[in-house]
Amino acid sequence: MLFLARAFSVLLHPLLMPLLTIWLALSVDPQLGYFLPNSRWLLYTMLGIMTVAFPITSALLLMRAGVLSSLEMPTRQERIAPYVMTLMYFGMAYYLLHRTPLHPAVDALFIGILCALAATLLITFWWKISAHMVGIGGVIGAMLGLSILHGLPLLPLLALLVICAGLLGTARLLSSDHTQGQIIAGVALGWCCTQGALLLGLII
């Protein structure tokens, strides 16, 4: 059971969630998918490098330098430096994304992702919120926001994401020292940031 919990935590790692969010958004929303019809792989490659490869490489270097005890970053204090570096990489990714001819909703979604990461960093100075749940919550908020904004029939996808969030929350309780409150707070934070940025950003 513990092996499955850890495997599920890796499969739905928070660093993979921004790329998953943008991929799903461009796949399920025809208004967003109209842009870059033949070169999306370049966009996905750029996001993968900036939001997955760079943070993982930095974490490995920090672990080699003795700053991190493991990639799981079991203590709250260990998470601060990697979160700061990841926020910088995400900011660079947003800069490149903003210069790409995409629907404004994609910009708004990534702003929500940046807000979620920044809030996670700030909270981590005092409390160990679940970054995994922030990530999956962000995906749910993004899809629900697009569904509301463009009237998309995404109920099956949303139901699947909620089930995945429940399984991931259970996995984090089993394989880490997170509490139920940290799990719930994480998914709520991610959800509110992406959905709020999407709806408020496009309405305002």
N, C-alpha and C. Protein backbone atom coordinates (compact mmCIF):
# COMPACT_ATOMS: atom_id res chain seq x y z
N MET A 1 0.82 -1.21 0.00
CA MET A 1 0.00 0.00 0.00
C MET A 1 0.86 1.27 0.00
N LEU A 2 1.93 1.24 0.81
CA LEU A 2 2.81 2.39 0.87
C LEU A 2 3.50 2.62 -0.46
N PHE A 3 3.88 1.52 -1.14
CA PHE A 3 4.51 1.64 -2.46
C PHE A 3 3.56 2.30 -3.45
N LEU A 4 2.29 1.89 -3.45
CA LEU A 4 1.31 2.48 -4.35
C LEU A 4 1.10 3.95 -4.04
N ALA A 5 1.08 4.31 -2.76
CA ALA A 5 0.90 5.70 -2.37
C ALA A 5 2.05 6.56 -2.87
N ARG A 6 3.27 6.05 -2.75
CA ARG A 6 4.43 6.80 -3.22
C ARG A 6 4.45 6.89 -4.74
N ALA A 7 4.05 5.81 -5.41
CA ALA A 7 4.01 5.81 -6.87
C ALA A 7 2.98 6.82 -7.37
N PHE A 8 1.84 6.89 -6.71
CA PHE A 8 0.80 7.83 -7.10
C PHE A 8 1.25 9.27 -6.85
N SER A 9 2.02 9.47 -5.78
CA SER A 9 2.55 10.80 -5.49
C SER A 9 3.53 11.25 -6.56
N VAL A 10 4.31 10.32 -7.10
CA VAL A 10 5.25 10.65 -8.17
C VAL A 10 4.49 10.92 -9.46
N LEU A 11 3.48 10.09 -9.74
CA LEU A 11 2.71 10.23 -10.98
C LEU A 11 2.00 11.58 -11.05
N LEU A 12 1.52 12.05 -9.91
CA LEU A 12 0.82 13.34 -9.85
C LEU A 12 1.66 14.37 -9.08
N HIS A 13 2.94 14.40 -9.40
CA HIS A 13 3.84 15.34 -8.73
C HIS A 13 3.45 16.77 -9.07
N PRO A 14 3.56 17.69 -8.13
CA PRO A 14 3.14 19.08 -8.39
C PRO A 14 3.86 19.75 -9.54
N LEU A 15 5.11 19.36 -9.81
CA LEU A 15 5.83 19.97 -10.93
C LEU A 15 5.22 19.61 -12.28
N LEU A 16 4.47 18.53 -12.34
CA LEU A 16 3.85 18.12 -13.60
C LEU A 16 2.51 18.82 -13.84
N MET A 17 1.95 19.43 -12.81
CA MET A 17 0.60 19.98 -12.91
C MET A 17 0.47 21.20 -13.82
N PRO A 18 1.44 22.14 -13.85
CA PRO A 18 1.30 23.25 -14.81
C PRO A 18 1.25 22.77 -16.26
N LEU A 19 2.13 21.84 -16.61
CA LEU A 19 2.13 21.31 -17.97
C LEU A 19 0.82 20.57 -18.26
N LEU A 20 0.35 19.79 -17.29
CA LEU A 20 -0.92 19.09 -17.45
C LEU A 20 -2.08 20.08 -17.62
N THR A 21 -2.06 21.15 -16.84
CA THR A 21 -3.12 22.15 -16.91
C THR A 21 -3.20 22.79 -18.29
N ILE A 22 -2.06 23.23 -18.81
CA ILE A 22 -2.05 23.88 -20.13
C ILE A 22 -2.41 22.89 -21.22
N TRP A 23 -1.92 21.66 -21.12
CA TRP A 23 -2.25 20.64 -22.12
C TRP A 23 -3.75 20.35 -22.14
N LEU A 24 -4.33 20.17 -20.96
CA LEU A 24 -5.76 19.92 -20.89
C LEU A 24 -6.56 21.11 -21.41
N ALA A 25 -6.14 22.32 -21.03
CA ALA A 25 -6.86 23.52 -21.47
C ALA A 25 -6.88 23.63 -22.98
N LEU A 26 -5.75 23.43 -23.63
CA LEU A 26 -5.69 23.53 -25.08
C LEU A 26 -6.40 22.36 -25.76
N SER A 27 -6.52 21.24 -25.06
CA SER A 27 -7.14 20.05 -25.64
C SER A 27 -8.66 20.08 -25.56
N VAL A 28 -9.20 20.59 -24.44
CA VAL A 28 -10.65 20.50 -24.22
C VAL A 28 -11.40 21.76 -24.62
N ASP A 29 -10.70 22.88 -24.76
CA ASP A 29 -11.37 24.14 -25.07
C ASP A 29 -11.08 24.54 -26.52
N PRO A 30 -12.07 24.47 -27.41
CA PRO A 30 -11.84 24.83 -28.81
C PRO A 30 -11.37 26.27 -28.99
N GLN A 31 -11.81 27.18 -28.12
CA GLN A 31 -11.41 28.58 -28.25
C GLN A 31 -9.93 28.76 -27.95
N LEU A 32 -9.41 27.97 -27.03
CA LEU A 32 -7.99 28.03 -26.72
C LEU A 32 -7.19 27.21 -27.72
N GLY A 33 -7.74 26.06 -28.12
CA GLY A 33 -7.04 25.16 -29.02
C GLY A 33 -6.87 25.70 -30.42
N TYR A 34 -7.60 26.78 -30.75
CA TYR A 34 -7.49 27.38 -32.08
C TYR A 34 -6.09 27.95 -32.32
N PHE A 35 -5.43 28.35 -31.24
CA PHE A 35 -4.11 28.96 -31.35
C PHE A 35 -3.03 27.87 -31.45
N LEU A 36 -1.99 28.16 -32.19
CA LEU A 36 -0.85 27.26 -32.37
C LEU A 36 -1.28 25.83 -32.71
N PRO A 37 -2.09 25.64 -33.76
CA PRO A 37 -2.58 24.29 -34.05
C PRO A 37 -1.49 23.31 -34.47
N ASN A 38 -0.41 23.83 -35.06
CA ASN A 38 0.62 22.93 -35.60
C ASN A 38 1.94 22.97 -34.84
N SER A 39 2.02 23.75 -33.79
CA SER A 39 3.31 23.86 -33.09
C SER A 39 3.14 23.79 -31.58
N ARG A 40 2.12 23.08 -31.13
CA ARG A 40 1.92 22.99 -29.68
C ARG A 40 3.06 22.24 -29.01
N TRP A 41 3.67 21.31 -29.73
CA TRP A 41 4.74 20.53 -29.11
C TRP A 41 5.89 21.43 -28.69
N LEU A 42 6.11 22.53 -29.42
CA LEU A 42 7.15 23.49 -29.01
C LEU A 42 6.78 24.15 -27.68
N LEU A 43 5.50 24.49 -27.55
CA LEU A 43 5.02 25.09 -26.31
C LEU A 43 5.16 24.11 -25.15
N TYR A 44 4.74 22.86 -25.37
CA TYR A 44 4.82 21.86 -24.31
C TYR A 44 6.27 21.57 -23.95
N THR A 45 7.16 21.56 -24.93
CA THR A 45 8.58 21.32 -24.66
C THR A 45 9.15 22.44 -23.81
N MET A 46 8.83 23.69 -24.17
CA MET A 46 9.31 24.84 -23.40
C MET A 46 8.80 24.78 -21.96
N LEU A 47 7.51 24.49 -21.79
CA LEU A 47 6.95 24.41 -20.44
C LEU A 47 7.57 23.26 -19.66
N GLY A 48 7.80 22.13 -20.35
CA GLY A 48 8.40 20.99 -19.68
C GLY A 48 9.80 21.28 -19.17
N ILE A 49 10.57 22.01 -19.97
CA ILE A 49 11.94 22.35 -19.57
C ILE A 49 11.93 23.32 -18.40
N MET A 50 11.08 24.36 -18.50
CA MET A 50 11.09 25.42 -17.50
C MET A 50 10.42 25.02 -16.19
N THR A 51 9.37 24.21 -16.27
CA THR A 51 8.60 23.92 -15.06
C THR A 51 8.85 22.52 -14.49
N VAL A 52 9.54 21.68 -15.23
CA VAL A 52 9.82 20.33 -14.73
C VAL A 52 11.33 20.07 -14.66
N ALA A 53 12.01 20.18 -15.81
CA ALA A 53 13.43 19.82 -15.87
C ALA A 53 14.30 20.75 -15.01
N PHE A 54 14.11 22.05 -15.12
CA PHE A 54 14.93 22.99 -14.36
C PHE A 54 14.74 22.84 -12.85
N PRO A 55 13.49 22.80 -12.34
CA PRO A 55 13.33 22.62 -10.89
C PRO A 55 13.89 21.31 -10.36
N ILE A 56 13.72 20.22 -11.12
CA ILE A 56 14.25 18.93 -10.68
C ILE A 56 15.77 18.97 -10.64
N THR A 57 16.38 19.55 -11.68
CA THR A 57 17.84 19.66 -11.71
C THR A 57 18.36 20.48 -10.54
N SER A 58 17.67 21.59 -10.26
CA SER A 58 18.08 22.43 -9.13
C SER A 58 17.95 21.69 -7.81
N ALA A 59 16.87 20.92 -7.65
CA ALA A 59 16.68 20.15 -6.42
C ALA A 59 17.78 19.11 -6.26
N LEU A 60 18.18 18.47 -7.35
CA LEU A 60 19.25 17.48 -7.29
C LEU A 60 20.57 18.14 -6.88
N LEU A 61 20.82 19.33 -7.41
CA LEU A 61 22.05 20.05 -7.04
C LEU A 61 22.01 20.46 -5.57
N LEU A 62 20.84 20.90 -5.10
CA LEU A 62 20.71 21.26 -3.68
C LEU A 62 20.91 20.05 -2.78
N MET A 63 20.42 18.90 -3.23
CA MET A 63 20.60 17.68 -2.45
C MET A 63 22.07 17.27 -2.42
N ARG A 64 22.75 17.42 -3.54
CA ARG A 64 24.17 17.09 -3.59
C ARG A 64 24.98 18.03 -2.70
N ALA A 65 24.50 19.29 -2.59
CA ALA A 65 25.20 20.27 -1.75
C ALA A 65 24.85 20.11 -0.27
N GLY A 66 23.94 19.22 0.04
CA GLY A 66 23.57 18.97 1.42
C GLY A 66 22.47 19.86 1.95
N VAL A 67 21.88 20.69 1.08
CA VAL A 67 20.79 21.56 1.51
C VAL A 67 19.51 20.76 1.71
N LEU A 68 19.30 19.75 0.87
CA LEU A 68 18.13 18.88 0.97
C LEU A 68 18.57 17.50 1.43
N SER A 69 17.77 16.89 2.29
CA SER A 69 18.08 15.53 2.73
C SER A 69 17.59 14.51 1.72
N SER A 70 16.54 14.85 0.95
CA SER A 70 16.01 13.98 -0.09
C SER A 70 15.11 14.80 -0.99
N LEU A 71 14.74 14.24 -2.14
CA LEU A 71 13.85 14.95 -3.05
C LEU A 71 12.43 15.09 -2.49
N GLU A 72 12.11 14.31 -1.49
CA GLU A 72 10.79 14.42 -0.86
C GLU A 72 10.68 15.64 0.04
N MET A 73 11.82 16.23 0.41
CA MET A 73 11.85 17.43 1.26
C MET A 73 10.92 17.28 2.46
N PRO A 74 11.25 16.38 3.37
CA PRO A 74 10.33 16.06 4.47
C PRO A 74 10.06 17.20 5.45
N THR A 75 11.02 18.13 5.60
CA THR A 75 10.80 19.21 6.56
C THR A 75 10.37 20.49 5.84
N ARG A 76 9.66 21.31 6.57
CA ARG A 76 9.17 22.57 6.01
C ARG A 76 10.32 23.48 5.60
N GLN A 77 11.36 23.53 6.41
CA GLN A 77 12.49 24.43 6.13
C GLN A 77 13.20 24.06 4.83
N GLU A 78 13.29 22.76 4.55
CA GLU A 78 13.97 22.32 3.34
C GLU A 78 13.26 22.77 2.07
N ARG A 79 11.98 23.03 2.15
CA ARG A 79 11.19 23.33 0.96
C ARG A 79 11.34 24.77 0.48
N ILE A 80 11.82 25.65 1.34
CA ILE A 80 11.81 27.07 1.00
C ILE A 80 12.72 27.37 -0.19
N ALA A 81 13.97 26.93 -0.15
CA ALA A 81 14.91 27.22 -1.25
C ALA A 81 14.44 26.64 -2.58
N PRO A 82 14.02 25.36 -2.64
CA PRO A 82 13.51 24.84 -3.91
C PRO A 82 12.28 25.58 -4.41
N TYR A 83 11.40 26.01 -3.49
CA TYR A 83 10.20 26.75 -3.90
C TYR A 83 10.57 28.10 -4.51
N VAL A 84 11.56 28.77 -3.91
CA VAL A 84 12.00 30.06 -4.44
C VAL A 84 12.56 29.89 -5.85
N MET A 85 13.39 28.89 -6.04
CA MET A 85 13.98 28.65 -7.36
C MET A 85 12.91 28.26 -8.37
N THR A 86 11.97 27.43 -7.93
CA THR A 86 10.88 27.02 -8.84
C THR A 86 10.02 28.21 -9.23
N LEU A 87 9.78 29.11 -8.30
CA LEU A 87 9.00 30.31 -8.60
C LEU A 87 9.71 31.16 -9.65
N MET A 88 11.04 31.23 -9.58
CA MET A 88 11.81 31.97 -10.58
C MET A 88 11.66 31.31 -11.95
N TYR A 89 11.76 29.98 -12.00
CA TYR A 89 11.61 29.28 -13.27
C TYR A 89 10.21 29.45 -13.84
N PHE A 90 9.21 29.38 -12.98
CA PHE A 90 7.83 29.56 -13.43
C PHE A 90 7.62 30.99 -13.95
N GLY A 91 8.27 31.96 -13.31
CA GLY A 91 8.19 33.34 -13.79
C GLY A 91 8.80 33.48 -15.18
N MET A 92 9.92 32.81 -15.41
CA MET A 92 10.54 32.82 -16.74
C MET A 92 9.63 32.15 -17.76
N ALA A 93 8.99 31.06 -17.35
CA ALA A 93 8.07 30.36 -18.25
C ALA A 93 6.90 31.26 -18.62
N TYR A 94 6.39 32.01 -17.62
CA TYR A 94 5.28 32.91 -17.91
C TYR A 94 5.70 34.00 -18.88
N TYR A 95 6.91 34.52 -18.72
CA TYR A 95 7.41 35.55 -19.63
C TYR A 95 7.42 35.04 -21.08
N LEU A 96 7.91 33.83 -21.27
CA LEU A 96 7.94 33.25 -22.61
C LEU A 96 6.54 32.94 -23.11
N LEU A 97 5.69 32.47 -22.20
CA LEU A 97 4.31 32.15 -22.57
C LEU A 97 3.56 33.41 -22.98
N HIS A 98 3.82 34.50 -22.26
CA HIS A 98 3.15 35.77 -22.54
C HIS A 98 3.52 36.30 -23.92
N ARG A 99 4.69 35.96 -24.40
CA ARG A 99 5.16 36.44 -25.71
C ARG A 99 4.72 35.51 -26.84
N THR A 100 4.00 34.46 -26.49
CA THR A 100 3.49 33.52 -27.50
C THR A 100 2.06 33.89 -27.85
N PRO A 101 1.67 33.85 -29.14
CA PRO A 101 0.31 34.22 -29.53
C PRO A 101 -0.73 33.19 -29.07
N LEU A 102 -1.19 33.35 -27.82
CA LEU A 102 -2.15 32.43 -27.24
C LEU A 102 -3.37 33.20 -26.75
N HIS A 103 -4.45 32.49 -26.51
CA HIS A 103 -5.66 33.08 -25.95
C HIS A 103 -5.34 33.67 -24.57
N PRO A 104 -5.94 34.82 -24.23
CA PRO A 104 -5.68 35.43 -22.91
C PRO A 104 -5.98 34.50 -21.74
N ALA A 105 -6.85 33.52 -21.94
CA ALA A 105 -7.16 32.59 -20.85
C ALA A 105 -5.94 31.77 -20.46
N VAL A 106 -5.06 31.49 -21.40
CA VAL A 106 -3.85 30.72 -21.08
C VAL A 106 -2.94 31.55 -20.18
N ASP A 107 -2.80 32.83 -20.51
CA ASP A 107 -2.05 33.74 -19.64
C ASP A 107 -2.64 33.77 -18.23
N ALA A 108 -3.97 33.89 -18.17
CA ALA A 108 -4.65 33.96 -16.88
C ALA A 108 -4.44 32.69 -16.07
N LEU A 109 -4.49 31.54 -16.75
CA LEU A 109 -4.28 30.27 -16.05
C LEU A 109 -2.88 30.22 -15.44
N PHE A 110 -1.89 30.67 -16.20
CA PHE A 110 -0.53 30.58 -15.68
C PHE A 110 -0.30 31.59 -14.56
N ILE A 111 -0.98 32.73 -14.62
CA ILE A 111 -0.92 33.66 -13.50
C ILE A 111 -1.48 33.00 -12.25
N GLY A 112 -2.57 32.24 -12.41
CA GLY A 112 -3.13 31.50 -11.28
C GLY A 112 -2.14 30.49 -10.72
N ILE A 113 -1.41 29.82 -11.61
CA ILE A 113 -0.40 28.85 -11.19
C ILE A 113 0.71 29.55 -10.41
N LEU A 114 1.15 30.72 -10.91
CA LEU A 114 2.18 31.49 -10.22
C LEU A 114 1.69 31.94 -8.84
N CYS A 115 0.44 32.39 -8.77
CA CYS A 115 -0.12 32.83 -7.48
C CYS A 115 -0.17 31.67 -6.49
N ALA A 116 -0.55 30.49 -6.99
CA ALA A 116 -0.63 29.31 -6.11
C ALA A 116 0.75 28.95 -5.56
N LEU A 117 1.77 29.00 -6.42
CA LEU A 117 3.13 28.68 -5.98
C LEU A 117 3.65 29.73 -5.01
N ALA A 118 3.40 31.01 -5.30
CA ALA A 118 3.84 32.07 -4.41
C ALA A 118 3.17 31.96 -3.04
N ALA A 119 1.86 31.66 -3.04
CA ALA A 119 1.15 31.50 -1.78
C ALA A 119 1.67 30.29 -1.01
N THR A 120 1.97 29.21 -1.73
CA THR A 120 2.54 28.02 -1.09
C THR A 120 3.87 28.33 -0.44
N LEU A 121 4.70 29.11 -1.12
CA LEU A 121 5.99 29.51 -0.57
C LEU A 121 5.81 30.32 0.71
N LEU A 122 4.92 31.30 0.68
CA LEU A 122 4.70 32.14 1.85
C LEU A 122 4.16 31.33 3.03
N ILE A 123 3.22 30.44 2.76
CA ILE A 123 2.64 29.62 3.82
C ILE A 123 3.70 28.70 4.43
N THR A 124 4.63 28.24 3.59
CA THR A 124 5.64 27.28 4.04
C THR A 124 6.57 27.88 5.09
N PHE A 125 6.69 29.19 5.16
CA PHE A 125 7.51 29.82 6.21
C PHE A 125 6.94 29.52 7.60
N TRP A 126 5.62 29.25 7.67
CA TRP A 126 4.98 29.01 8.97
C TRP A 126 4.31 27.64 9.10
N TRP A 127 3.97 27.03 7.94
CA TRP A 127 3.14 25.82 7.99
C TRP A 127 3.46 24.96 6.78
N LYS A 128 3.34 23.65 6.93
CA LYS A 128 3.71 22.71 5.87
C LYS A 128 2.46 22.31 5.07
N ILE A 129 2.04 23.16 4.16
CA ILE A 129 0.90 22.86 3.31
C ILE A 129 1.31 21.84 2.26
N SER A 130 0.36 21.05 1.76
CA SER A 130 0.67 20.00 0.79
C SER A 130 0.78 20.58 -0.62
N ALA A 131 2.00 20.60 -1.17
CA ALA A 131 2.21 21.10 -2.53
C ALA A 131 1.55 20.19 -3.56
N HIS A 132 1.51 18.88 -3.28
CA HIS A 132 0.83 17.96 -4.20
C HIS A 132 -0.63 18.35 -4.37
N MET A 133 -1.29 18.66 -3.25
CA MET A 133 -2.71 19.00 -3.32
C MET A 133 -2.94 20.38 -3.92
N VAL A 134 -1.98 21.29 -3.73
CA VAL A 134 -2.07 22.59 -4.42
C VAL A 134 -2.06 22.36 -5.92
N GLY A 135 -1.19 21.45 -6.37
CA GLY A 135 -1.08 21.18 -7.81
C GLY A 135 -2.35 20.60 -8.40
N ILE A 136 -2.87 19.54 -7.81
CA ILE A 136 -4.07 18.90 -8.36
C ILE A 136 -5.28 19.81 -8.19
N GLY A 137 -5.32 20.59 -7.10
CA GLY A 137 -6.39 21.56 -6.92
C GLY A 137 -6.37 22.62 -8.01
N GLY A 138 -5.17 23.01 -8.42
CA GLY A 138 -5.04 23.98 -9.50
C GLY A 138 -5.59 23.47 -10.82
N VAL A 139 -5.36 22.20 -11.10
CA VAL A 139 -5.90 21.61 -12.33
C VAL A 139 -7.43 21.61 -12.29
N ILE A 140 -7.99 21.21 -11.16
CA ILE A 140 -9.45 21.19 -11.02
C ILE A 140 -10.02 22.60 -11.19
N GLY A 141 -9.41 23.58 -10.53
CA GLY A 141 -9.89 24.96 -10.64
C GLY A 141 -9.82 25.48 -12.07
N ALA A 142 -8.76 25.12 -12.78
CA ALA A 142 -8.60 25.56 -14.16
C ALA A 142 -9.69 24.98 -15.05
N MET A 143 -9.95 23.69 -14.92
CA MET A 143 -10.96 23.05 -15.76
C MET A 143 -12.36 23.55 -15.42
N LEU A 144 -12.64 23.73 -14.14
CA LEU A 144 -13.95 24.25 -13.74
C LEU A 144 -14.12 25.69 -14.22
N GLY A 145 -13.06 26.48 -14.15
CA GLY A 145 -13.13 27.85 -14.63
C GLY A 145 -13.40 27.92 -16.13
N LEU A 146 -12.73 27.07 -16.92
CA LEU A 146 -12.98 27.03 -18.36
C LEU A 146 -14.40 26.57 -18.66
N SER A 147 -14.88 25.61 -17.89
CA SER A 147 -16.24 25.11 -18.07
C SER A 147 -17.26 26.23 -17.85
N ILE A 148 -17.04 27.02 -16.80
CA ILE A 148 -17.95 28.13 -16.50
C ILE A 148 -17.82 29.24 -17.55
N LEU A 149 -16.59 29.54 -17.92
CA LEU A 149 -16.31 30.66 -18.81
C LEU A 149 -16.83 30.42 -20.22
N HIS A 150 -16.61 29.23 -20.75
CA HIS A 150 -16.96 28.94 -22.14
C HIS A 150 -18.07 27.90 -22.28
N GLY A 151 -18.71 27.54 -21.19
CA GLY A 151 -19.83 26.61 -21.25
C GLY A 151 -19.45 25.23 -21.76
N LEU A 152 -18.31 24.73 -21.31
CA LEU A 152 -17.83 23.43 -21.80
C LEU A 152 -18.42 22.29 -20.96
N PRO A 153 -18.82 21.19 -21.59
CA PRO A 153 -19.34 20.03 -20.85
C PRO A 153 -18.21 19.16 -20.32
N LEU A 154 -17.62 19.58 -19.22
CA LEU A 154 -16.43 18.91 -18.69
C LEU A 154 -16.71 18.09 -17.44
N LEU A 155 -17.98 17.74 -17.21
CA LEU A 155 -18.32 17.01 -15.98
C LEU A 155 -17.56 15.69 -15.85
N PRO A 156 -17.47 14.86 -16.90
CA PRO A 156 -16.69 13.60 -16.75
C PRO A 156 -15.23 13.86 -16.39
N LEU A 157 -14.61 14.85 -17.03
CA LEU A 157 -13.21 15.17 -16.73
C LEU A 157 -13.07 15.68 -15.31
N LEU A 158 -13.98 16.55 -14.90
CA LEU A 158 -13.92 17.09 -13.54
C LEU A 158 -14.11 15.99 -12.50
N ALA A 159 -15.03 15.06 -12.79
CA ALA A 159 -15.25 13.94 -11.86
C ALA A 159 -13.99 13.09 -11.74
N LEU A 160 -13.31 12.85 -12.87
CA LEU A 160 -12.07 12.08 -12.85
C LEU A 160 -10.99 12.80 -12.06
N LEU A 161 -10.89 14.11 -12.23
CA LEU A 161 -9.89 14.89 -11.50
C LEU A 161 -10.17 14.90 -10.00
N VAL A 162 -11.44 14.99 -9.62
CA VAL A 162 -11.79 14.96 -8.20
C VAL A 162 -11.44 13.60 -7.59
N ILE A 163 -11.69 12.53 -8.34
CA ILE A 163 -11.32 11.19 -7.86
C ILE A 163 -9.80 11.09 -7.69
N CYS A 164 -9.06 11.62 -8.68
CA CYS A 164 -7.60 11.62 -8.58
C CYS A 164 -7.13 12.43 -7.37
N ALA A 165 -7.81 13.55 -7.11
CA ALA A 165 -7.45 14.37 -5.95
C ALA A 165 -7.69 13.60 -4.66
N GLY A 166 -8.80 12.87 -4.60
CA GLY A 166 -9.07 12.07 -3.41
C GLY A 166 -8.03 10.98 -3.20
N LEU A 167 -7.66 10.32 -4.29
CA LEU A 167 -6.64 9.27 -4.20
C LEU A 167 -5.28 9.86 -3.83
N LEU A 168 -4.97 11.02 -4.41
CA LEU A 168 -3.68 11.66 -4.10
C LEU A 168 -3.64 12.12 -2.65
N GLY A 169 -4.75 12.68 -2.18
CA GLY A 169 -4.79 13.09 -0.78
C GLY A 169 -4.58 11.92 0.16
N THR A 170 -5.20 10.79 -0.16
CA THR A 170 -5.01 9.58 0.64
C THR A 170 -3.56 9.11 0.58
N ALA A 171 -2.98 9.19 -0.63
CA ALA A 171 -1.58 8.78 -0.79
C ALA A 171 -0.64 9.65 0.03
N ARG A 172 -0.92 10.96 0.07
CA ARG A 172 -0.07 11.85 0.85
C ARG A 172 -0.20 11.61 2.34
N LEU A 173 -1.39 11.26 2.78
CA LEU A 173 -1.57 10.93 4.20
C LEU A 173 -0.82 9.67 4.57
N LEU A 174 -0.75 8.72 3.64
CA LEU A 174 -0.09 7.44 3.91
C LEU A 174 1.43 7.52 3.78
N SER A 175 1.91 8.33 2.83
CA SER A 175 3.34 8.30 2.52
C SER A 175 4.11 9.51 3.04
N SER A 176 3.44 10.44 3.73
CA SER A 176 4.13 11.61 4.27
C SER A 176 3.54 11.93 5.64
N ASP A 177 4.06 13.00 6.24
CA ASP A 177 3.56 13.39 7.55
C ASP A 177 2.54 14.52 7.47
N HIS A 178 1.93 14.69 6.31
CA HIS A 178 0.90 15.71 6.17
C HIS A 178 -0.33 15.35 6.98
N THR A 179 -1.01 16.39 7.47
CA THR A 179 -2.26 16.19 8.19
C THR A 179 -3.43 16.38 7.23
N GLN A 180 -4.61 16.02 7.68
CA GLN A 180 -5.80 16.19 6.86
C GLN A 180 -6.04 17.68 6.55
N GLY A 181 -5.76 18.54 7.51
CA GLY A 181 -5.92 19.97 7.29
C GLY A 181 -4.99 20.50 6.21
N GLN A 182 -3.76 20.02 6.19
CA GLN A 182 -2.80 20.45 5.17
C GLN A 182 -3.20 19.96 3.79
N ILE A 183 -3.83 18.80 3.74
CA ILE A 183 -4.31 18.25 2.47
C ILE A 183 -5.46 19.10 1.94
N ILE A 184 -6.43 19.38 2.79
CA ILE A 184 -7.61 20.15 2.38
C ILE A 184 -7.22 21.58 2.02
N ALA A 185 -6.34 22.18 2.82
CA ALA A 185 -5.89 23.55 2.54
C ALA A 185 -5.16 23.62 1.20
N GLY A 186 -4.38 22.60 0.89
CA GLY A 186 -3.64 22.59 -0.37
C GLY A 186 -4.56 22.57 -1.59
N VAL A 187 -5.53 21.67 -1.60
CA VAL A 187 -6.42 21.58 -2.76
C VAL A 187 -7.28 22.83 -2.87
N ALA A 188 -7.68 23.41 -1.74
CA ALA A 188 -8.48 24.64 -1.77
C ALA A 188 -7.67 25.81 -2.33
N LEU A 189 -6.40 25.91 -1.93
CA LEU A 189 -5.54 27.00 -2.41
C LEU A 189 -5.34 26.91 -3.91
N GLY A 190 -4.96 25.73 -4.40
CA GLY A 190 -4.74 25.58 -5.84
C GLY A 190 -6.00 25.85 -6.64
N TRP A 191 -7.12 25.32 -6.18
CA TRP A 191 -8.42 25.50 -6.83
C TRP A 191 -8.76 26.99 -6.94
N CYS A 192 -8.68 27.71 -5.83
CA CYS A 192 -9.08 29.12 -5.80
C CYS A 192 -8.16 29.98 -6.67
N CYS A 193 -6.87 29.67 -6.67
CA CYS A 193 -5.91 30.50 -7.42
C CYS A 193 -6.14 30.40 -8.92
N THR A 194 -6.25 29.20 -9.47
CA THR A 194 -6.39 29.07 -10.92
C THR A 194 -7.78 29.49 -11.39
N GLN A 195 -8.81 29.06 -10.69
CA GLN A 195 -10.16 29.45 -11.10
C GLN A 195 -10.37 30.95 -10.91
N GLY A 196 -9.88 31.49 -9.81
CA GLY A 196 -10.03 32.91 -9.56
C GLY A 196 -9.29 33.75 -10.58
N ALA A 197 -8.04 33.38 -10.89
CA ALA A 197 -7.25 34.14 -11.87
C ALA A 197 -7.90 34.08 -13.25
N LEU A 198 -8.44 32.93 -13.61
CA LEU A 198 -9.06 32.77 -14.92
C LEU A 198 -10.32 33.63 -15.04
N LEU A 199 -11.22 33.50 -14.07
CA LEU A 199 -12.49 34.23 -14.16
C LEU A 199 -12.31 35.72 -13.92
N LEU A 200 -11.57 36.11 -12.90
CA LEU A 200 -11.38 37.53 -12.61
C LEU A 200 -10.53 38.21 -13.68
N GLY A 201 -9.49 37.51 -14.15
CA GLY A 201 -8.61 38.09 -15.14
C GLY A 201 -9.30 38.41 -16.45
N LEU A 202 -10.20 37.55 -16.88
CA LEU A 202 -10.88 37.76 -18.15
C LEU A 202 -12.10 38.66 -18.02
N ILE A 203 -12.70 38.66 -16.83
CA ILE A 203 -13.87 39.55 -16.62
C ILE A 203 -13.40 40.99 -16.49
N ILE A 204 -12.32 41.17 -15.70
CA ILE A 204 -11.79 42.53 -15.48
C ILE A 204 -11.06 43.03 -16.73
